[in-house]
Amino acid sequence: MRAFAIGLSLVLGVAVASSPALAQKKKDEKKTEEKKVEEKKFPTDGVWSLFEINGKSAPSDPPTLMIDTNLRGTGYAGCNTYSAALYPIRGMRLAMGPAAMTKKACAADRMNIEKLFLAILRTGPTWDVNGSEMTIKSQAGTMKLRRGF
């Protein structure tokens, strides 16, 4: 009887001790499931036009972005056209390879927009789409684009 009581107390002790760990594991699994639901598929084969960069309106001839189904990013950067491997990665981030660009010179304000636009894309930004608007953020800045201009 004494051995039974000791065995029962050990089983109950282990069950009670593991209960917080089990609860934490369930919370972690729930958070993982929530993150999976939040991941969105990047909308390829659509042209996105800049309308705001770091809180300022884009110029009348705005930079553009398109990522095709082959994960090739192309567009107009504000002065020059560009093409680069540009693909969505886990965590709703973008990764950009080296860019091929035309080499035109434009007015200083256009060149500054182009530098900032490309800097945001090159620095592993996060992205999110809400309806017809996309927000791309990195340590270099934030830009907002609209689909289809």
N, C-alpha and C. Protein backbone atom coordinates (compact mmCIF):
# COMPACT_ATOMS: atom_id res chain seq x y z
N MET A 1 0.81 -1.18 0.00
CA MET A 1 0.00 0.00 0.00
C MET A 1 0.86 1.26 0.00
N ARG A 2 1.91 1.20 0.78
CA ARG A 2 2.82 2.34 0.84
C ARG A 2 3.47 2.58 -0.51
N ALA A 3 3.90 1.53 -1.20
CA ALA A 3 4.50 1.65 -2.52
C ALA A 3 3.50 2.24 -3.50
N PHE A 4 2.22 1.83 -3.37
CA PHE A 4 1.19 2.36 -4.25
C PHE A 4 1.03 3.87 -4.03
N ALA A 5 1.03 4.31 -2.77
CA ALA A 5 0.88 5.72 -2.44
C ALA A 5 2.05 6.53 -2.97
N ILE A 6 3.26 5.99 -2.87
CA ILE A 6 4.45 6.68 -3.38
C ILE A 6 4.36 6.77 -4.91
N GLY A 7 3.99 5.70 -5.56
CA GLY A 7 3.86 5.69 -7.02
C GLY A 7 2.80 6.67 -7.49
N LEU A 8 1.67 6.70 -6.79
CA LEU A 8 0.59 7.61 -7.16
C LEU A 8 1.03 9.05 -6.98
N SER A 9 1.73 9.35 -5.91
CA SER A 9 2.17 10.73 -5.68
C SER A 9 3.21 11.14 -6.74
N LEU A 10 4.04 10.21 -7.16
CA LEU A 10 5.00 10.52 -8.23
C LEU A 10 4.29 10.83 -9.55
N VAL A 11 3.31 10.02 -9.89
CA VAL A 11 2.56 10.24 -11.13
C VAL A 11 1.84 11.58 -11.09
N LEU A 12 1.18 11.88 -9.98
CA LEU A 12 0.48 13.15 -9.85
C LEU A 12 1.45 14.33 -9.86
N GLY A 13 2.59 14.16 -9.23
CA GLY A 13 3.61 15.22 -9.20
C GLY A 13 4.12 15.53 -10.60
N VAL A 14 4.37 14.50 -11.39
CA VAL A 14 4.84 14.69 -12.77
C VAL A 14 3.76 15.36 -13.60
N ALA A 15 2.51 14.95 -13.43
CA ALA A 15 1.40 15.52 -14.19
C ALA A 15 1.24 17.00 -13.87
N VAL A 16 1.31 17.36 -12.59
CA VAL A 16 1.17 18.75 -12.19
C VAL A 16 2.37 19.58 -12.67
N ALA A 17 3.57 19.03 -12.56
CA ALA A 17 4.78 19.74 -12.98
C ALA A 17 4.80 19.96 -14.48
N SER A 18 4.28 19.01 -15.25
CA SER A 18 4.33 19.15 -16.70
C SER A 18 3.18 19.99 -17.24
N SER A 19 2.19 20.27 -16.40
CA SER A 19 1.02 21.03 -16.85
C SER A 19 1.39 22.42 -17.38
N PRO A 20 2.22 23.22 -16.68
CA PRO A 20 2.60 24.52 -17.24
C PRO A 20 3.38 24.38 -18.56
N ALA A 21 4.23 23.38 -18.63
CA ALA A 21 4.99 23.17 -19.86
C ALA A 21 4.06 22.80 -21.00
N LEU A 22 3.08 21.98 -20.72
CA LEU A 22 2.10 21.57 -21.72
C LEU A 22 1.27 22.78 -22.17
N ALA A 23 0.88 23.60 -21.23
CA ALA A 23 0.10 24.80 -21.56
C ALA A 23 0.92 25.74 -22.44
N GLN A 24 2.21 25.89 -22.12
CA GLN A 24 3.08 26.76 -22.92
C GLN A 24 3.24 26.20 -24.33
N LYS A 25 3.37 24.88 -24.44
CA LYS A 25 3.51 24.25 -25.75
C LYS A 25 2.27 24.50 -26.59
N LYS A 26 1.09 24.41 -26.00
CA LYS A 26 -0.15 24.67 -26.72
C LYS A 26 -0.23 26.13 -27.17
N LYS A 27 0.23 27.06 -26.33
CA LYS A 27 0.25 28.48 -26.70
C LYS A 27 1.18 28.70 -27.89
N ASP A 28 2.37 28.08 -27.84
CA ASP A 28 3.33 28.21 -28.94
C ASP A 28 2.76 27.65 -30.24
N GLU A 29 2.08 26.51 -30.16
CA GLU A 29 1.47 25.92 -31.36
C GLU A 29 0.40 26.83 -31.92
N LYS A 30 -0.38 27.46 -31.05
CA LYS A 30 -1.44 28.37 -31.49
C LYS A 30 -0.83 29.58 -32.19
N LYS A 31 0.25 30.14 -31.64
CA LYS A 31 0.92 31.28 -32.26
C LYS A 31 1.46 30.90 -33.64
N THR A 32 2.03 29.71 -33.75
CA THR A 32 2.55 29.24 -35.04
C THR A 32 1.42 29.13 -36.05
N GLU A 33 0.28 28.60 -35.63
CA GLU A 33 -0.87 28.49 -36.52
C GLU A 33 -1.34 29.87 -36.95
N GLU A 34 -1.37 30.84 -36.03
CA GLU A 34 -1.79 32.20 -36.37
C GLU A 34 -0.85 32.82 -37.38
N LYS A 35 0.47 32.60 -37.22
CA LYS A 35 1.43 33.15 -38.16
C LYS A 35 1.24 32.55 -39.55
N LYS A 36 0.94 31.27 -39.62
CA LYS A 36 0.71 30.62 -40.91
C LYS A 36 -0.48 31.27 -41.61
N VAL A 37 -1.50 31.59 -40.87
CA VAL A 37 -2.68 32.20 -41.45
C VAL A 37 -2.36 33.61 -41.95
N GLU A 38 -1.51 34.34 -41.24
CA GLU A 38 -1.18 35.71 -41.60
C GLU A 38 -0.32 35.80 -42.86
N GLU A 39 0.49 34.79 -43.18
CA GLU A 39 1.34 34.81 -44.36
C GLU A 39 0.47 34.97 -45.60
N LYS A 40 0.83 35.90 -46.45
CA LYS A 40 0.09 36.12 -47.68
C LYS A 40 0.95 35.72 -48.86
N LYS A 41 0.31 35.44 -49.96
CA LYS A 41 1.03 35.13 -51.20
C LYS A 41 1.28 36.44 -51.92
N PHE A 42 2.53 36.64 -52.34
CA PHE A 42 2.86 37.88 -53.03
C PHE A 42 2.13 37.93 -54.37
N PRO A 43 1.49 39.05 -54.68
CA PRO A 43 0.74 39.16 -55.94
C PRO A 43 1.68 39.42 -57.13
N THR A 44 1.96 38.38 -57.88
CA THR A 44 2.84 38.52 -59.05
C THR A 44 2.05 38.95 -60.28
N ASP A 45 2.79 39.35 -61.29
CA ASP A 45 2.23 39.75 -62.59
C ASP A 45 1.27 40.93 -62.54
N GLY A 46 1.53 41.84 -61.67
CA GLY A 46 0.75 43.08 -61.64
C GLY A 46 1.71 44.24 -61.50
N VAL A 47 1.39 45.35 -62.09
CA VAL A 47 2.25 46.53 -61.98
C VAL A 47 1.78 47.36 -60.79
N TRP A 48 2.72 47.70 -59.94
CA TRP A 48 2.47 48.53 -58.76
C TRP A 48 3.16 49.87 -58.97
N SER A 49 2.44 50.96 -58.75
CA SER A 49 2.99 52.31 -58.93
C SER A 49 3.10 53.02 -57.58
N LEU A 50 4.24 53.63 -57.37
CA LEU A 50 4.49 54.36 -56.13
C LEU A 50 3.56 55.56 -56.03
N PHE A 51 2.96 55.75 -54.84
CA PHE A 51 2.19 56.98 -54.62
C PHE A 51 2.67 57.73 -53.39
N GLU A 52 3.48 57.07 -52.55
CA GLU A 52 4.01 57.75 -51.36
C GLU A 52 5.31 57.09 -50.95
N ILE A 53 6.30 57.91 -50.58
CA ILE A 53 7.57 57.38 -50.10
C ILE A 53 8.02 58.23 -48.90
N ASN A 54 8.22 57.58 -47.79
CA ASN A 54 8.56 58.24 -46.53
C ASN A 54 7.63 59.41 -46.22
N GLY A 55 6.33 59.19 -46.45
CA GLY A 55 5.32 60.19 -46.12
C GLY A 55 5.15 61.29 -47.15
N LYS A 56 5.92 61.29 -48.23
CA LYS A 56 5.82 62.33 -49.26
C LYS A 56 5.19 61.74 -50.52
N SER A 57 4.44 62.56 -51.22
CA SER A 57 3.80 62.12 -52.46
C SER A 57 4.84 61.80 -53.51
N ALA A 58 4.54 60.82 -54.34
CA ALA A 58 5.43 60.44 -55.44
C ALA A 58 5.31 61.46 -56.57
N PRO A 59 6.33 61.53 -57.43
CA PRO A 59 6.26 62.44 -58.57
C PRO A 59 5.16 62.01 -59.55
N SER A 60 4.84 62.88 -60.50
CA SER A 60 3.77 62.58 -61.45
C SER A 60 4.09 61.39 -62.36
N ASP A 61 5.36 61.09 -62.54
CA ASP A 61 5.79 59.92 -63.32
C ASP A 61 6.44 58.95 -62.33
N PRO A 62 5.62 58.20 -61.55
CA PRO A 62 6.14 57.47 -60.39
C PRO A 62 6.91 56.20 -60.73
N PRO A 63 7.83 55.81 -59.84
CA PRO A 63 8.49 54.52 -59.97
C PRO A 63 7.46 53.38 -59.94
N THR A 64 7.81 52.27 -60.58
CA THR A 64 6.91 51.12 -60.64
C THR A 64 7.65 49.85 -60.25
N LEU A 65 6.87 48.84 -59.93
CA LEU A 65 7.40 47.54 -59.55
C LEU A 65 6.49 46.46 -60.11
N MET A 66 7.08 45.46 -60.71
CA MET A 66 6.34 44.28 -61.12
C MET A 66 7.23 43.06 -60.86
N ILE A 67 6.68 42.05 -60.22
CA ILE A 67 7.40 40.79 -60.04
C ILE A 67 6.60 39.74 -60.82
N ASP A 68 7.26 39.12 -61.80
CA ASP A 68 6.56 38.13 -62.62
C ASP A 68 6.59 36.76 -61.95
N THR A 69 5.95 35.79 -62.57
CA THR A 69 5.87 34.45 -61.98
C THR A 69 7.23 33.75 -61.94
N ASN A 70 8.22 34.26 -62.68
CA ASN A 70 9.59 33.73 -62.63
C ASN A 70 10.41 34.43 -61.55
N LEU A 71 9.75 35.27 -60.76
CA LEU A 71 10.36 36.02 -59.66
C LEU A 71 11.43 36.99 -60.15
N ARG A 72 11.15 37.61 -61.27
CA ARG A 72 11.99 38.66 -61.83
C ARG A 72 11.30 39.98 -61.57
N GLY A 73 11.98 40.88 -60.88
CA GLY A 73 11.42 42.20 -60.61
C GLY A 73 11.88 43.17 -61.67
N THR A 74 10.96 43.92 -62.22
CA THR A 74 11.29 44.93 -63.24
C THR A 74 10.47 46.17 -62.96
N GLY A 75 10.91 47.26 -63.56
CA GLY A 75 10.14 48.48 -63.43
C GLY A 75 10.95 49.71 -63.76
N TYR A 76 10.35 50.82 -63.43
CA TYR A 76 10.94 52.15 -63.61
C TYR A 76 11.24 52.66 -62.22
N ALA A 77 12.48 53.08 -61.97
CA ALA A 77 12.88 53.47 -60.61
C ALA A 77 12.75 54.96 -60.33
N GLY A 78 12.36 55.74 -61.31
CA GLY A 78 12.24 57.18 -61.11
C GLY A 78 13.04 57.95 -62.13
N CYS A 79 14.07 57.31 -62.67
CA CYS A 79 14.89 57.87 -63.74
C CYS A 79 15.25 56.76 -64.72
N ASN A 80 15.68 55.63 -64.19
CA ASN A 80 16.12 54.50 -65.00
C ASN A 80 15.19 53.31 -64.84
N THR A 81 15.26 52.39 -65.80
CA THR A 81 14.54 51.13 -65.66
C THR A 81 15.48 50.13 -65.02
N TYR A 82 14.92 49.14 -64.35
CA TYR A 82 15.73 48.14 -63.65
C TYR A 82 15.14 46.76 -63.86
N SER A 83 15.97 45.77 -63.62
CA SER A 83 15.56 44.37 -63.65
C SER A 83 16.45 43.62 -62.67
N ALA A 84 15.85 42.78 -61.85
CA ALA A 84 16.63 42.04 -60.85
C ALA A 84 15.82 40.84 -60.37
N ALA A 85 16.53 39.84 -59.87
CA ALA A 85 15.83 38.76 -59.16
C ALA A 85 15.24 39.42 -57.91
N LEU A 86 13.95 39.30 -57.74
CA LEU A 86 13.27 39.95 -56.62
C LEU A 86 12.15 39.01 -56.20
N TYR A 87 12.34 38.38 -55.07
CA TYR A 87 11.40 37.33 -54.72
C TYR A 87 10.96 37.42 -53.27
N PRO A 88 9.70 37.05 -53.05
CA PRO A 88 9.18 37.03 -51.69
C PRO A 88 9.75 35.84 -50.92
N ILE A 89 10.11 36.07 -49.67
CA ILE A 89 10.62 35.01 -48.80
C ILE A 89 9.77 34.96 -47.54
N ARG A 90 10.03 33.95 -46.73
CA ARG A 90 9.27 33.74 -45.49
C ARG A 90 9.25 35.01 -44.64
N GLY A 91 8.15 35.20 -43.98
CA GLY A 91 8.01 36.36 -43.12
C GLY A 91 7.53 37.59 -43.87
N MET A 92 6.97 37.38 -45.07
CA MET A 92 6.49 38.47 -45.93
C MET A 92 7.58 39.52 -46.13
N ARG A 93 8.75 39.02 -46.54
CA ARG A 93 9.89 39.87 -46.85
C ARG A 93 10.22 39.71 -48.33
N LEU A 94 10.99 40.66 -48.85
CA LEU A 94 11.47 40.58 -50.22
C LEU A 94 12.99 40.49 -50.21
N ALA A 95 13.53 39.70 -51.12
CA ALA A 95 14.98 39.60 -51.30
C ALA A 95 15.29 40.02 -52.73
N MET A 96 16.26 40.90 -52.88
CA MET A 96 16.61 41.43 -54.20
C MET A 96 18.06 41.10 -54.52
N GLY A 97 18.28 40.56 -55.72
CA GLY A 97 19.62 40.30 -56.20
C GLY A 97 20.19 41.56 -56.86
N PRO A 98 21.36 41.44 -57.47
CA PRO A 98 21.95 42.58 -58.17
C PRO A 98 21.03 43.05 -59.31
N ALA A 99 20.96 44.36 -59.49
CA ALA A 99 20.07 44.93 -60.49
C ALA A 99 20.82 45.34 -61.75
N ALA A 100 20.21 45.07 -62.89
CA ALA A 100 20.68 45.60 -64.17
C ALA A 100 19.85 46.87 -64.40
N MET A 101 20.53 47.96 -64.73
CA MET A 101 19.82 49.23 -64.89
C MET A 101 20.33 50.00 -66.10
N THR A 102 19.44 50.82 -66.65
CA THR A 102 19.91 51.79 -67.63
C THR A 102 20.71 52.83 -66.86
N LYS A 103 21.44 53.68 -67.57
CA LYS A 103 22.33 54.61 -66.87
C LYS A 103 22.09 56.06 -67.27
N LYS A 104 20.82 56.44 -67.29
CA LYS A 104 20.50 57.83 -67.59
C LYS A 104 20.78 58.70 -66.37
N ALA A 105 21.02 59.97 -66.64
CA ALA A 105 21.14 60.96 -65.57
C ALA A 105 19.89 61.82 -65.63
N CYS A 106 19.33 62.10 -64.48
CA CYS A 106 18.11 62.91 -64.41
C CYS A 106 18.33 64.03 -63.39
N ALA A 107 17.31 64.86 -63.24
CA ALA A 107 17.37 65.93 -62.24
C ALA A 107 17.60 65.32 -60.86
N ALA A 108 18.19 66.10 -59.98
CA ALA A 108 18.56 65.62 -58.65
C ALA A 108 17.38 65.05 -57.87
N ASP A 109 16.21 65.69 -57.95
CA ASP A 109 15.06 65.19 -57.20
C ASP A 109 14.62 63.81 -57.71
N ARG A 110 14.70 63.57 -59.02
CA ARG A 110 14.36 62.27 -59.59
C ARG A 110 15.39 61.22 -59.16
N MET A 111 16.65 61.59 -59.17
CA MET A 111 17.71 60.66 -58.77
C MET A 111 17.57 60.29 -57.29
N ASN A 112 17.17 61.26 -56.46
CA ASN A 112 16.99 60.98 -55.04
C ASN A 112 15.84 60.01 -54.80
N ILE A 113 14.74 60.20 -55.53
CA ILE A 113 13.61 59.25 -55.43
C ILE A 113 14.07 57.86 -55.85
N GLU A 114 14.82 57.78 -56.97
CA GLU A 114 15.30 56.50 -57.46
C GLU A 114 16.20 55.80 -56.44
N LYS A 115 17.13 56.55 -55.87
CA LYS A 115 18.03 55.97 -54.86
C LYS A 115 17.26 55.43 -53.66
N LEU A 116 16.30 56.19 -53.19
CA LEU A 116 15.51 55.78 -52.03
C LEU A 116 14.63 54.57 -52.37
N PHE A 117 13.97 54.60 -53.52
CA PHE A 117 13.12 53.49 -53.97
C PHE A 117 13.92 52.19 -54.02
N LEU A 118 15.09 52.24 -54.65
CA LEU A 118 15.93 51.04 -54.77
C LEU A 118 16.54 50.63 -53.43
N ALA A 119 16.89 51.60 -52.61
CA ALA A 119 17.45 51.28 -51.28
C ALA A 119 16.44 50.52 -50.44
N ILE A 120 15.19 50.92 -50.50
CA ILE A 120 14.15 50.21 -49.74
C ILE A 120 14.03 48.77 -50.25
N LEU A 121 14.03 48.58 -51.57
CA LEU A 121 13.92 47.22 -52.12
C LEU A 121 15.14 46.36 -51.80
N ARG A 122 16.31 46.96 -51.74
CA ARG A 122 17.56 46.20 -51.55
C ARG A 122 17.82 45.79 -50.11
N THR A 123 17.11 46.36 -49.18
CA THR A 123 17.44 46.13 -47.76
C THR A 123 16.52 45.14 -47.07
N GLY A 124 16.05 44.14 -47.79
CA GLY A 124 15.24 43.06 -47.20
C GLY A 124 13.96 43.53 -46.56
N PRO A 125 13.16 44.31 -47.30
CA PRO A 125 11.97 44.89 -46.68
C PRO A 125 10.86 43.89 -46.41
N THR A 126 9.96 44.28 -45.55
CA THR A 126 8.72 43.54 -45.36
C THR A 126 7.69 44.15 -46.30
N TRP A 127 6.67 43.39 -46.61
CA TRP A 127 5.61 43.89 -47.48
C TRP A 127 4.26 43.43 -46.95
N ASP A 128 3.24 44.19 -47.30
CA ASP A 128 1.88 43.79 -46.97
C ASP A 128 0.96 44.40 -48.01
N VAL A 129 -0.06 43.66 -48.36
CA VAL A 129 -1.05 44.12 -49.33
C VAL A 129 -2.39 44.23 -48.64
N ASN A 130 -3.04 45.34 -48.87
CA ASN A 130 -4.38 45.57 -48.35
C ASN A 130 -5.22 46.12 -49.50
N GLY A 131 -6.01 45.26 -50.10
CA GLY A 131 -6.81 45.67 -51.26
C GLY A 131 -5.90 45.94 -52.45
N SER A 132 -5.97 47.15 -52.98
CA SER A 132 -5.15 47.51 -54.14
C SER A 132 -3.90 48.30 -53.74
N GLU A 133 -3.57 48.31 -52.45
CA GLU A 133 -2.39 49.03 -51.98
C GLU A 133 -1.39 48.08 -51.34
N MET A 134 -0.12 48.33 -51.61
CA MET A 134 0.97 47.56 -51.01
C MET A 134 1.88 48.51 -50.24
N THR A 135 2.28 48.10 -49.06
CA THR A 135 3.24 48.86 -48.26
C THR A 135 4.51 48.03 -48.16
N ILE A 136 5.64 48.67 -48.46
CA ILE A 136 6.94 48.02 -48.37
C ILE A 136 7.78 48.84 -47.41
N LYS A 137 8.30 48.17 -46.35
CA LYS A 137 9.05 48.86 -45.30
C LYS A 137 10.41 48.20 -45.09
N SER A 138 11.43 49.03 -44.88
CA SER A 138 12.74 48.54 -44.47
C SER A 138 13.40 49.61 -43.62
N GLN A 139 14.64 49.34 -43.20
CA GLN A 139 15.34 50.36 -42.42
C GLN A 139 15.65 51.59 -43.26
N ALA A 140 15.59 51.46 -44.60
CA ALA A 140 15.84 52.60 -45.49
C ALA A 140 14.62 53.49 -45.66
N GLY A 141 13.43 52.99 -45.30
CA GLY A 141 12.23 53.81 -45.43
C GLY A 141 10.99 52.99 -45.69
N THR A 142 9.91 53.71 -45.98
CA THR A 142 8.62 53.09 -46.25
C THR A 142 8.05 53.66 -47.54
N MET A 143 7.53 52.77 -48.36
CA MET A 143 6.87 53.24 -49.57
C MET A 143 5.52 52.55 -49.73
N LYS A 144 4.59 53.28 -50.35
CA LYS A 144 3.26 52.74 -50.61
C LYS A 144 3.02 52.77 -52.11
N LEU A 145 2.50 51.65 -52.60
CA LEU A 145 2.24 51.52 -54.03
C LEU A 145 0.78 51.12 -54.26
N ARG A 146 0.27 51.49 -55.43
CA ARG A 146 -1.08 51.09 -55.83
C ARG A 146 -0.98 50.20 -57.06
N ARG A 147 -1.86 49.26 -57.13
CA ARG A 147 -1.88 48.34 -58.25
C ARG A 147 -2.52 48.99 -59.47
N GLY A 148 -1.84 48.79 -60.61
CA GLY A 148 -2.45 49.05 -61.89
C GLY A 148 -2.40 50.43 -62.49
N PHE A 149 -1.57 51.32 -62.16
CA PHE A 149 -1.55 52.63 -62.81
C PHE A 149 -0.86 52.55 -64.14
